[in-house]
Amino acid sequence: MLVKITSRAWSLSILALLHEGAPGRQAPLLAETGAGRTAFALSLAHLKALGLLERNPGHGHPLRPEFRLTPKGVAIATVAARIRAIVPGQQESALLRRAWSVPVLAVGHRPRYFSEMKGALMPITDRALSQSLQQLRAHQWIERDIDTSQHPPRPLYQTVNTGAAISHAIALAPAAP
């Protein structure tokens, strides 16, 4: 589900804003996210298709509907709000809008080989995983170590710093000590 949600750039932001009490109308959400109209509309439609948002019956104008979280959306929006609280900056938030960043962080809570990460994120391609790991390493959200006990030596990846905090917020990892 995390892969599906993050396949649209603004989905996590929309969920987090609705969880934080932002009005469920398109104009305030659009202004709050800073997204372009087309990308925002696609993200909104995507969340509706996933069953995380629904039109609020009896509210809004037919051309300017109001949306609310479904019960399924409430649970996921809670996680999105935790992630948003960890990453308040614009530059770092842009990294979260990339399709595979959040799913890679979710599975990187313990040291994993590239092939293990790829298996855990089944539809991901080698190129997409490699690029995500490079970008996350550049922001120091993922650390790369070399396992010299293997022959040949193999790299291991694990979340660190902000990446570890996001991984814990997603709740796929055990709680931080």
N, C-alpha and C. Protein backbone atom coordinates (compact mmCIF):
# COMPACT_ATOMS: atom_id res chain seq x y z
N MET A 1 0.83 -1.20 0.00
CA MET A 1 0.00 0.00 0.00
C MET A 1 0.87 1.25 0.00
N LEU A 2 1.97 1.22 0.73
CA LEU A 2 2.87 2.38 0.79
C LEU A 2 3.41 2.72 -0.59
N VAL A 3 3.73 1.70 -1.37
CA VAL A 3 4.23 1.91 -2.73
C VAL A 3 3.15 2.57 -3.58
N LYS A 4 1.92 2.10 -3.44
CA LYS A 4 0.81 2.68 -4.22
C LYS A 4 0.58 4.14 -3.84
N ILE A 5 0.58 4.42 -2.55
CA ILE A 5 0.31 5.79 -2.10
C ILE A 5 1.38 6.75 -2.60
N THR A 6 2.65 6.37 -2.46
CA THR A 6 3.74 7.27 -2.81
C THR A 6 4.03 7.33 -4.30
N SER A 7 3.26 6.61 -5.10
CA SER A 7 3.48 6.68 -6.54
C SER A 7 3.03 8.03 -7.11
N ARG A 8 2.27 8.78 -6.35
CA ARG A 8 1.89 10.16 -6.72
C ARG A 8 2.57 11.12 -5.76
N ALA A 9 3.18 12.15 -6.30
CA ALA A 9 4.06 13.03 -5.55
C ALA A 9 3.43 13.68 -4.32
N TRP A 10 2.21 14.10 -4.40
CA TRP A 10 1.64 14.92 -3.32
C TRP A 10 0.72 14.14 -2.39
N SER A 11 0.62 12.84 -2.56
CA SER A 11 -0.31 12.03 -1.77
C SER A 11 -0.03 12.09 -0.27
N LEU A 12 1.22 11.91 0.13
CA LEU A 12 1.55 11.95 1.56
C LEU A 12 1.24 13.33 2.16
N SER A 13 1.55 14.38 1.42
CA SER A 13 1.27 15.74 1.92
C SER A 13 -0.22 15.97 2.11
N ILE A 14 -1.01 15.54 1.16
CA ILE A 14 -2.47 15.71 1.25
C ILE A 14 -3.01 14.96 2.46
N LEU A 15 -2.59 13.71 2.63
CA LEU A 15 -3.05 12.92 3.77
C LEU A 15 -2.65 13.57 5.09
N ALA A 16 -1.40 14.02 5.17
CA ALA A 16 -0.91 14.65 6.40
C ALA A 16 -1.69 15.92 6.71
N LEU A 17 -1.95 16.74 5.71
CA LEU A 17 -2.68 17.99 5.93
C LEU A 17 -4.11 17.73 6.40
N LEU A 18 -4.77 16.74 5.81
CA LEU A 18 -6.12 16.42 6.24
C LEU A 18 -6.11 15.89 7.68
N HIS A 19 -5.11 15.12 8.01
CA HIS A 19 -4.99 14.61 9.38
C HIS A 19 -4.78 15.75 10.37
N GLU A 20 -4.03 16.76 9.94
CA GLU A 20 -3.73 17.89 10.82
C GLU A 20 -4.88 18.90 10.90
N GLY A 21 -5.97 18.64 10.19
CA GLY A 21 -7.15 19.50 10.30
C GLY A 21 -7.32 20.53 9.21
N ALA A 22 -6.54 20.45 8.14
CA ALA A 22 -6.71 21.39 7.03
C ALA A 22 -8.08 21.18 6.40
N PRO A 23 -8.71 22.26 5.91
CA PRO A 23 -10.00 22.10 5.24
C PRO A 23 -9.86 21.14 4.05
N GLY A 24 -10.88 20.32 3.85
CA GLY A 24 -10.83 19.30 2.82
C GLY A 24 -11.18 19.77 1.43
N ARG A 25 -11.15 21.08 1.21
CA ARG A 25 -11.43 21.60 -0.13
C ARG A 25 -10.13 21.71 -0.92
N GLN A 26 -10.27 21.65 -2.22
CA GLN A 26 -9.10 21.61 -3.09
C GLN A 26 -8.25 22.88 -3.00
N ALA A 27 -8.85 24.06 -2.98
CA ALA A 27 -8.07 25.30 -2.99
C ALA A 27 -7.18 25.45 -1.75
N PRO A 28 -7.70 25.25 -0.53
CA PRO A 28 -6.81 25.36 0.63
C PRO A 28 -5.71 24.29 0.65
N LEU A 29 -6.05 23.08 0.24
CA LEU A 29 -5.04 22.02 0.20
C LEU A 29 -3.97 22.32 -0.83
N LEU A 30 -4.39 22.82 -1.97
CA LEU A 30 -3.46 23.18 -3.04
C LEU A 30 -2.51 24.28 -2.57
N ALA A 31 -3.05 25.28 -1.90
CA ALA A 31 -2.23 26.38 -1.41
C ALA A 31 -1.25 25.89 -0.34
N GLU A 32 -1.71 25.03 0.53
CA GLU A 32 -0.89 24.53 1.63
C GLU A 32 0.26 23.64 1.14
N THR A 33 0.01 22.83 0.12
CA THR A 33 1.06 21.94 -0.38
C THR A 33 2.06 22.67 -1.26
N GLY A 34 1.60 23.67 -2.01
CA GLY A 34 2.48 24.34 -2.96
C GLY A 34 2.63 23.56 -4.25
N ALA A 35 1.78 22.60 -4.47
CA ALA A 35 1.84 21.74 -5.66
C ALA A 35 1.27 22.46 -6.88
N GLY A 36 1.62 21.96 -8.05
CA GLY A 36 1.00 22.42 -9.28
C GLY A 36 -0.39 21.82 -9.39
N ARG A 37 -1.28 22.50 -10.10
CA ARG A 37 -2.67 22.04 -10.19
C ARG A 37 -2.81 20.63 -10.75
N THR A 38 -2.11 20.34 -11.81
CA THR A 38 -2.25 19.04 -12.46
C THR A 38 -1.75 17.91 -11.57
N ALA A 39 -0.56 18.06 -11.03
CA ALA A 39 0.02 17.03 -10.16
C ALA A 39 -0.85 16.85 -8.91
N PHE A 40 -1.37 17.95 -8.38
CA PHE A 40 -2.22 17.89 -7.20
C PHE A 40 -3.51 17.14 -7.52
N ALA A 41 -4.14 17.48 -8.63
CA ALA A 41 -5.39 16.83 -9.01
C ALA A 41 -5.19 15.33 -9.22
N LEU A 42 -4.07 14.96 -9.83
CA LEU A 42 -3.78 13.54 -10.03
C LEU A 42 -3.58 12.82 -8.70
N SER A 43 -2.91 13.47 -7.77
CA SER A 43 -2.70 12.88 -6.45
C SER A 43 -4.03 12.72 -5.71
N LEU A 44 -4.88 13.72 -5.79
CA LEU A 44 -6.18 13.67 -5.14
C LEU A 44 -7.04 12.54 -5.73
N ALA A 45 -7.08 12.44 -7.05
CA ALA A 45 -7.83 11.37 -7.71
C ALA A 45 -7.26 10.00 -7.34
N HIS A 46 -5.96 9.91 -7.23
CA HIS A 46 -5.29 8.67 -6.87
C HIS A 46 -5.71 8.23 -5.45
N LEU A 47 -5.74 9.17 -4.53
CA LEU A 47 -6.14 8.85 -3.15
C LEU A 47 -7.61 8.42 -3.09
N LYS A 48 -8.44 9.03 -3.91
CA LYS A 48 -9.86 8.62 -3.97
C LYS A 48 -9.96 7.20 -4.53
N ALA A 49 -9.18 6.91 -5.57
CA ALA A 49 -9.22 5.58 -6.18
C ALA A 49 -8.72 4.50 -5.21
N LEU A 50 -7.79 4.85 -4.34
CA LEU A 50 -7.27 3.90 -3.35
C LEU A 50 -8.22 3.73 -2.17
N GLY A 51 -9.26 4.54 -2.12
CA GLY A 51 -10.23 4.45 -1.03
C GLY A 51 -9.78 5.12 0.25
N LEU A 52 -8.87 6.07 0.15
CA LEU A 52 -8.37 6.78 1.32
C LEU A 52 -9.09 8.11 1.53
N LEU A 53 -9.69 8.63 0.47
CA LEU A 53 -10.47 9.88 0.53
C LEU A 53 -11.83 9.63 -0.07
N GLU A 54 -12.80 10.42 0.39
CA GLU A 54 -14.14 10.38 -0.19
C GLU A 54 -14.72 11.79 -0.16
N ARG A 55 -15.70 12.01 -1.00
CA ARG A 55 -16.40 13.31 -0.95
C ARG A 55 -17.18 13.38 0.33
N ASN A 56 -17.17 14.54 0.94
CA ASN A 56 -17.92 14.76 2.17
C ASN A 56 -19.35 15.07 1.77
N PRO A 57 -20.28 14.15 2.00
CA PRO A 57 -21.66 14.38 1.55
C PRO A 57 -22.29 15.59 2.24
N GLY A 58 -22.94 16.41 1.45
CA GLY A 58 -23.63 17.57 1.99
C GLY A 58 -22.73 18.78 2.19
N HIS A 59 -21.45 18.68 1.83
CA HIS A 59 -20.54 19.81 2.00
C HIS A 59 -19.90 20.15 0.66
N GLY A 60 -19.67 21.41 0.48
CA GLY A 60 -18.99 21.86 -0.73
C GLY A 60 -19.94 22.03 -1.90
N HIS A 61 -19.44 22.64 -2.91
CA HIS A 61 -20.17 22.91 -4.14
C HIS A 61 -19.87 21.74 -5.09
N PRO A 62 -20.80 21.39 -5.98
CA PRO A 62 -20.52 20.27 -6.90
C PRO A 62 -19.24 20.45 -7.71
N LEU A 63 -18.90 21.70 -8.04
CA LEU A 63 -17.67 21.93 -8.80
C LEU A 63 -16.45 22.12 -7.90
N ARG A 64 -16.71 22.34 -6.60
CA ARG A 64 -15.62 22.50 -5.63
C ARG A 64 -15.92 21.63 -4.42
N PRO A 65 -15.82 20.31 -4.59
CA PRO A 65 -16.23 19.42 -3.51
C PRO A 65 -15.27 19.47 -2.32
N GLU A 66 -15.78 19.02 -1.21
CA GLU A 66 -14.96 18.89 0.00
C GLU A 66 -14.68 17.40 0.19
N PHE A 67 -13.46 17.08 0.61
CA PHE A 67 -13.08 15.70 0.81
C PHE A 67 -12.80 15.43 2.27
N ARG A 68 -12.92 14.17 2.65
CA ARG A 68 -12.58 13.74 4.01
C ARG A 68 -11.90 12.38 3.92
N LEU A 69 -11.21 12.05 4.99
CA LEU A 69 -10.52 10.77 5.06
C LEU A 69 -11.53 9.66 5.34
N THR A 70 -11.33 8.53 4.70
CA THR A 70 -12.11 7.34 5.02
C THR A 70 -11.49 6.71 6.27
N PRO A 71 -12.14 5.74 6.88
CA PRO A 71 -11.51 5.07 8.03
C PRO A 71 -10.14 4.48 7.68
N LYS A 72 -10.02 3.91 6.52
CA LYS A 72 -8.73 3.39 6.06
C LYS A 72 -7.73 4.53 5.87
N GLY A 73 -8.20 5.64 5.38
CA GLY A 73 -7.35 6.81 5.16
C GLY A 73 -6.86 7.44 6.45
N VAL A 74 -7.66 7.36 7.52
CA VAL A 74 -7.28 7.94 8.81
C VAL A 74 -6.01 7.28 9.33
N ALA A 75 -5.95 5.95 9.25
CA ALA A 75 -4.77 5.23 9.75
C ALA A 75 -3.52 5.61 8.97
N ILE A 76 -3.63 5.70 7.67
CA ILE A 76 -2.48 6.03 6.84
C ILE A 76 -2.11 7.51 6.98
N ALA A 77 -3.11 8.36 7.16
CA ALA A 77 -2.85 9.79 7.33
C ALA A 77 -2.10 10.06 8.63
N THR A 78 -2.30 9.23 9.63
CA THR A 78 -1.57 9.36 10.89
C THR A 78 -0.08 9.18 10.65
N VAL A 79 0.26 8.17 9.86
CA VAL A 79 1.66 7.91 9.52
C VAL A 79 2.21 9.06 8.68
N ALA A 80 1.42 9.53 7.72
CA ALA A 80 1.85 10.65 6.86
C ALA A 80 2.12 11.89 7.69
N ALA A 81 1.31 12.14 8.70
CA ALA A 81 1.51 13.31 9.57
C ALA A 81 2.78 13.15 10.40
N ARG A 82 3.07 11.93 10.86
CA ARG A 82 4.31 11.70 11.60
C ARG A 82 5.52 11.96 10.71
N ILE A 83 5.45 11.51 9.47
CA ILE A 83 6.56 11.73 8.53
C ILE A 83 6.72 13.21 8.26
N ARG A 84 5.62 13.91 8.05
CA ARG A 84 5.66 15.37 7.78
C ARG A 84 6.28 16.13 8.95
N ALA A 85 6.00 15.68 10.17
CA ALA A 85 6.56 16.33 11.35
C ALA A 85 8.07 16.14 11.43
N ILE A 86 8.56 15.02 10.93
CA ILE A 86 10.00 14.73 10.94
C ILE A 86 10.73 15.54 9.89
N VAL A 87 10.07 15.77 8.76
CA VAL A 87 10.71 16.43 7.61
C VAL A 87 9.97 17.71 7.26
N PRO A 88 10.22 18.80 8.00
CA PRO A 88 9.50 20.04 7.73
C PRO A 88 10.08 20.87 6.59
N GLY A 89 11.35 20.69 6.23
CA GLY A 89 11.99 21.52 5.21
C GLY A 89 11.55 21.23 3.80
N GLN A 90 11.56 22.26 2.95
CA GLN A 90 11.14 22.11 1.55
C GLN A 90 12.03 21.17 0.76
N GLN A 91 13.35 21.31 0.91
CA GLN A 91 14.27 20.49 0.13
C GLN A 91 14.14 19.02 0.52
N GLU A 92 14.03 18.76 1.81
CA GLU A 92 13.88 17.38 2.26
C GLU A 92 12.51 16.82 1.90
N SER A 93 11.48 17.66 1.95
CA SER A 93 10.15 17.22 1.56
C SER A 93 10.11 16.81 0.10
N ALA A 94 10.89 17.49 -0.73
CA ALA A 94 10.95 17.14 -2.15
C ALA A 94 11.48 15.73 -2.33
N LEU A 95 12.40 15.31 -1.49
CA LEU A 95 12.93 13.95 -1.56
C LEU A 95 11.85 12.93 -1.23
N LEU A 96 10.97 13.26 -0.31
CA LEU A 96 9.88 12.35 0.04
C LEU A 96 8.85 12.21 -1.07
N ARG A 97 8.76 13.21 -1.94
CA ARG A 97 7.80 13.15 -3.04
C ARG A 97 8.26 12.23 -4.16
N ARG A 98 9.50 11.83 -4.14
CA ARG A 98 9.99 10.89 -5.16
C ARG A 98 9.35 9.53 -4.90
N ALA A 99 9.01 8.84 -5.98
CA ALA A 99 8.19 7.62 -5.89
C ALA A 99 8.70 6.56 -4.93
N TRP A 100 9.98 6.29 -4.87
CA TRP A 100 10.46 5.16 -4.09
C TRP A 100 11.14 5.54 -2.78
N SER A 101 11.28 6.80 -2.47
CA SER A 101 12.01 7.19 -1.26
C SER A 101 11.41 6.61 0.01
N VAL A 102 10.13 6.81 0.23
CA VAL A 102 9.50 6.34 1.47
C VAL A 102 9.48 4.82 1.55
N PRO A 103 9.12 4.09 0.50
CA PRO A 103 9.18 2.63 0.60
C PRO A 103 10.60 2.10 0.88
N VAL A 104 11.62 2.72 0.29
CA VAL A 104 13.00 2.28 0.55
C VAL A 104 13.35 2.54 2.02
N LEU A 105 12.95 3.68 2.55
CA LEU A 105 13.20 3.95 3.96
C LEU A 105 12.46 2.97 4.86
N ALA A 106 11.27 2.57 4.45
CA ALA A 106 10.47 1.64 5.24
C ALA A 106 11.15 0.28 5.40
N VAL A 107 11.80 -0.19 4.36
CA VAL A 107 12.45 -1.51 4.45
C VAL A 107 13.90 -1.43 4.89
N GLY A 108 14.43 -0.22 5.04
CA GLY A 108 15.84 -0.07 5.40
C GLY A 108 16.10 0.07 6.89
N HIS A 109 15.13 -0.31 7.72
CA HIS A 109 15.29 -0.15 9.17
C HIS A 109 16.35 -1.07 9.76
N ARG A 110 16.73 -2.10 9.05
CA ARG A 110 17.83 -2.98 9.48
C ARG A 110 18.77 -3.15 8.30
N PRO A 111 20.01 -3.55 8.55
CA PRO A 111 20.94 -3.69 7.42
C PRO A 111 20.42 -4.71 6.41
N ARG A 112 20.43 -4.29 5.15
CA ARG A 112 19.96 -5.17 4.06
C ARG A 112 20.87 -5.04 2.86
N TYR A 113 21.01 -6.16 2.16
CA TYR A 113 21.71 -6.15 0.89
C TYR A 113 20.77 -5.58 -0.17
N PHE A 114 21.34 -5.13 -1.27
CA PHE A 114 20.57 -4.58 -2.38
C PHE A 114 19.48 -5.56 -2.82
N SER A 115 19.85 -6.82 -2.98
CA SER A 115 18.90 -7.84 -3.45
C SER A 115 17.77 -8.06 -2.45
N GLU A 116 18.06 -7.95 -1.15
CA GLU A 116 17.00 -8.08 -0.14
C GLU A 116 16.02 -6.91 -0.24
N MET A 117 16.56 -5.71 -0.44
CA MET A 117 15.68 -4.54 -0.57
C MET A 117 14.82 -4.68 -1.82
N LYS A 118 15.42 -5.13 -2.89
CA LYS A 118 14.67 -5.28 -4.13
C LYS A 118 13.56 -6.31 -3.95
N GLY A 119 13.84 -7.39 -3.27
CA GLY A 119 12.82 -8.40 -3.01
C GLY A 119 11.68 -7.89 -2.14
N ALA A 120 12.01 -7.04 -1.18
CA ALA A 120 10.99 -6.48 -0.30
C ALA A 120 10.12 -5.45 -1.01
N LEU A 121 10.66 -4.84 -2.07
CA LEU A 121 9.94 -3.83 -2.84
C LEU A 121 9.68 -4.36 -4.25
N MET A 122 9.07 -5.50 -4.34
CA MET A 122 9.00 -6.32 -5.54
C MET A 122 8.87 -5.60 -6.89
N PRO A 123 7.98 -4.65 -7.11
CA PRO A 123 7.92 -4.12 -8.47
C PRO A 123 9.06 -3.16 -8.83
N ILE A 124 9.95 -2.84 -7.89
CA ILE A 124 11.01 -1.86 -8.15
C ILE A 124 12.05 -2.42 -9.11
N THR A 125 12.56 -1.57 -9.97
CA THR A 125 13.63 -1.99 -10.89
C THR A 125 14.98 -1.73 -10.23
N ASP A 126 16.02 -2.38 -10.76
CA ASP A 126 17.38 -2.15 -10.24
C ASP A 126 17.74 -0.68 -10.33
N ARG A 127 17.41 -0.07 -11.44
CA ARG A 127 17.76 1.34 -11.65
C ARG A 127 17.05 2.26 -10.67
N ALA A 128 15.76 2.03 -10.47
CA ALA A 128 15.00 2.86 -9.54
C ALA A 128 15.52 2.71 -8.10
N LEU A 129 15.83 1.49 -7.71
CA LEU A 129 16.37 1.27 -6.36
C LEU A 129 17.74 1.91 -6.22
N SER A 130 18.58 1.74 -7.22
CA SER A 130 19.91 2.32 -7.18
C SER A 130 19.85 3.85 -7.08
N GLN A 131 19.00 4.47 -7.88
CA GLN A 131 18.87 5.93 -7.84
C GLN A 131 18.31 6.40 -6.51
N SER A 132 17.33 5.69 -5.96
CA SER A 132 16.77 6.06 -4.66
C SER A 132 17.82 5.95 -3.57
N LEU A 133 18.59 4.88 -3.59
CA LEU A 133 19.64 4.72 -2.59
C LEU A 133 20.68 5.84 -2.70
N GLN A 134 21.05 6.20 -3.92
CA GLN A 134 22.03 7.29 -4.11
C GLN A 134 21.49 8.61 -3.56
N GLN A 135 20.24 8.92 -3.86
CA GLN A 135 19.65 10.18 -3.39
C GLN A 135 19.51 10.19 -1.87
N LEU A 136 19.11 9.08 -1.30
CA LEU A 136 18.96 9.01 0.15
C LEU A 136 20.32 9.06 0.85
N ARG A 137 21.34 8.48 0.23
CA ARG A 137 22.69 8.57 0.78
C ARG A 137 23.22 10.00 0.70
N ALA A 138 22.91 10.69 -0.37
CA ALA A 138 23.36 12.08 -0.53
C ALA A 138 22.78 12.98 0.57
N HIS A 139 21.59 12.66 1.05
CA HIS A 139 20.96 13.42 2.14
C HIS A 139 21.30 12.82 3.51
N GLN A 140 22.09 11.80 3.53
CA GLN A 140 22.50 11.09 4.74
C GLN A 140 21.30 10.50 5.49
N TRP A 141 20.38 9.93 4.73
CA TRP A 141 19.24 9.23 5.30
C TRP A 141 19.47 7.72 5.27
N ILE A 142 20.39 7.29 4.40
CA ILE A 142 20.77 5.87 4.30
C ILE A 142 22.28 5.81 4.36
N GLU A 143 22.76 4.77 5.02
CA GLU A 143 24.20 4.56 5.13
C GLU A 143 24.56 3.27 4.39
N ARG A 144 25.69 3.30 3.74
CA ARG A 144 26.18 2.14 3.00
C ARG A 144 27.45 1.65 3.67
N ASP A 145 27.43 0.39 4.11
CA ASP A 145 28.60 -0.25 4.69
C ASP A 145 28.95 -1.45 3.82
N ILE A 146 30.19 -1.87 3.92
CA ILE A 146 30.63 -3.03 3.15
C ILE A 146 30.75 -4.22 4.09
N ASP A 147 30.09 -5.31 3.74
CA ASP A 147 30.16 -6.55 4.50
C ASP A 147 31.36 -7.34 3.99
N THR A 148 32.45 -7.26 4.72
CA THR A 148 33.69 -7.93 4.29
C THR A 148 33.70 -9.41 4.64
N SER A 149 32.70 -9.89 5.38
CA SER A 149 32.64 -11.32 5.69
C SER A 149 32.18 -12.12 4.49
N GLN A 150 31.59 -11.46 3.52
CA GLN A 150 31.15 -12.12 2.28
C GLN A 150 32.27 -12.11 1.26
N HIS A 151 32.25 -13.09 0.38
CA HIS A 151 33.23 -13.09 -0.72
C HIS A 151 32.46 -13.19 -2.02
N PRO A 152 32.50 -12.22 -2.88
CA PRO A 152 33.17 -10.93 -2.72
C PRO A 152 32.43 -10.05 -1.71
N PRO A 153 33.10 -9.03 -1.19
CA PRO A 153 32.44 -8.12 -0.24
C PRO A 153 31.20 -7.50 -0.87
N ARG A 154 30.14 -7.34 -0.06
CA ARG A 154 28.87 -6.81 -0.55
C ARG A 154 28.44 -5.61 0.28
N PRO A 155 27.83 -4.62 -0.37
CA PRO A 155 27.35 -3.46 0.39
C PRO A 155 26.05 -3.78 1.15
N LEU A 156 25.94 -3.20 2.32
CA LEU A 156 24.75 -3.26 3.15
C LEU A 156 24.21 -1.85 3.31
N TYR A 157 22.89 -1.71 3.28
CA TYR A 157 22.24 -0.41 3.41
C TYR A 157 21.35 -0.40 4.64
N GLN A 158 21.34 0.73 5.36
CA GLN A 158 20.49 0.88 6.53
C GLN A 158 20.17 2.35 6.73
N THR A 159 18.95 2.61 7.20
CA THR A 159 18.55 4.00 7.46
C THR A 159 19.33 4.57 8.64
N VAL A 160 19.61 5.86 8.55
CA VAL A 160 20.28 6.60 9.64
C VAL A 160 19.66 8.00 9.70
N ASN A 161 19.91 8.69 10.81
CA ASN A 161 19.48 10.07 10.99
C ASN A 161 17.99 10.24 10.71
N THR A 162 17.64 11.16 9.83
CA THR A 162 16.24 11.41 9.49
C THR A 162 15.60 10.19 8.85
N GLY A 163 16.36 9.45 8.05
CA GLY A 163 15.84 8.24 7.42
C GLY A 163 15.40 7.21 8.44
N ALA A 164 16.16 7.05 9.52
CA ALA A 164 15.79 6.12 10.58
C ALA A 164 14.52 6.59 11.30
N ALA A 165 14.42 7.89 11.52
CA ALA A 165 13.22 8.44 12.17
C ALA A 165 11.97 8.19 11.31
N ILE A 166 12.11 8.37 10.01
CA ILE A 166 10.98 8.12 9.10
C ILE A 166 10.64 6.63 9.10
N SER A 167 11.64 5.79 9.06
CA SER A 167 11.41 4.35 9.08
C SER A 167 10.64 3.94 10.34
N HIS A 168 11.00 4.50 11.47
CA HIS A 168 10.29 4.21 12.71
C HIS A 168 8.87 4.78 12.68
N ALA A 169 8.70 5.94 12.08
CA ALA A 169 7.37 6.55 11.99
C ALA A 169 6.42 5.71 11.15
N ILE A 170 6.95 5.04 10.18
CA ILE A 170 6.13 4.19 9.32
C ILE A 170 5.64 2.97 10.10
N ALA A 171 6.36 2.64 11.15
CA ALA A 171 5.99 1.56 12.06
C ALA A 171 6.22 0.17 11.49
N LEU A 172 7.03 0.05 10.47
CA LEU A 172 7.44 -1.27 10.02
C LEU A 172 8.66 -1.72 10.83
N ALA A 173 9.31 -0.75 11.43
CA ALA A 173 10.49 -1.03 12.24
C ALA A 173 10.10 -1.04 13.71
N PRO A 174 10.89 -1.70 14.54
CA PRO A 174 10.60 -1.63 15.97
C PRO A 174 10.78 -0.21 16.48
N ALA A 175 10.14 0.12 17.57
CA ALA A 175 10.22 1.47 18.14
C ALA A 175 11.66 1.80 18.52
N ALA A 176 12.01 3.06 18.40
CA ALA A 176 13.36 3.50 18.72
C ALA A 176 13.60 3.32 20.22
N PRO A 177 14.83 2.89 20.60
CA PRO A 177 15.11 2.68 22.03
C PRO A 177 15.17 3.99 22.78
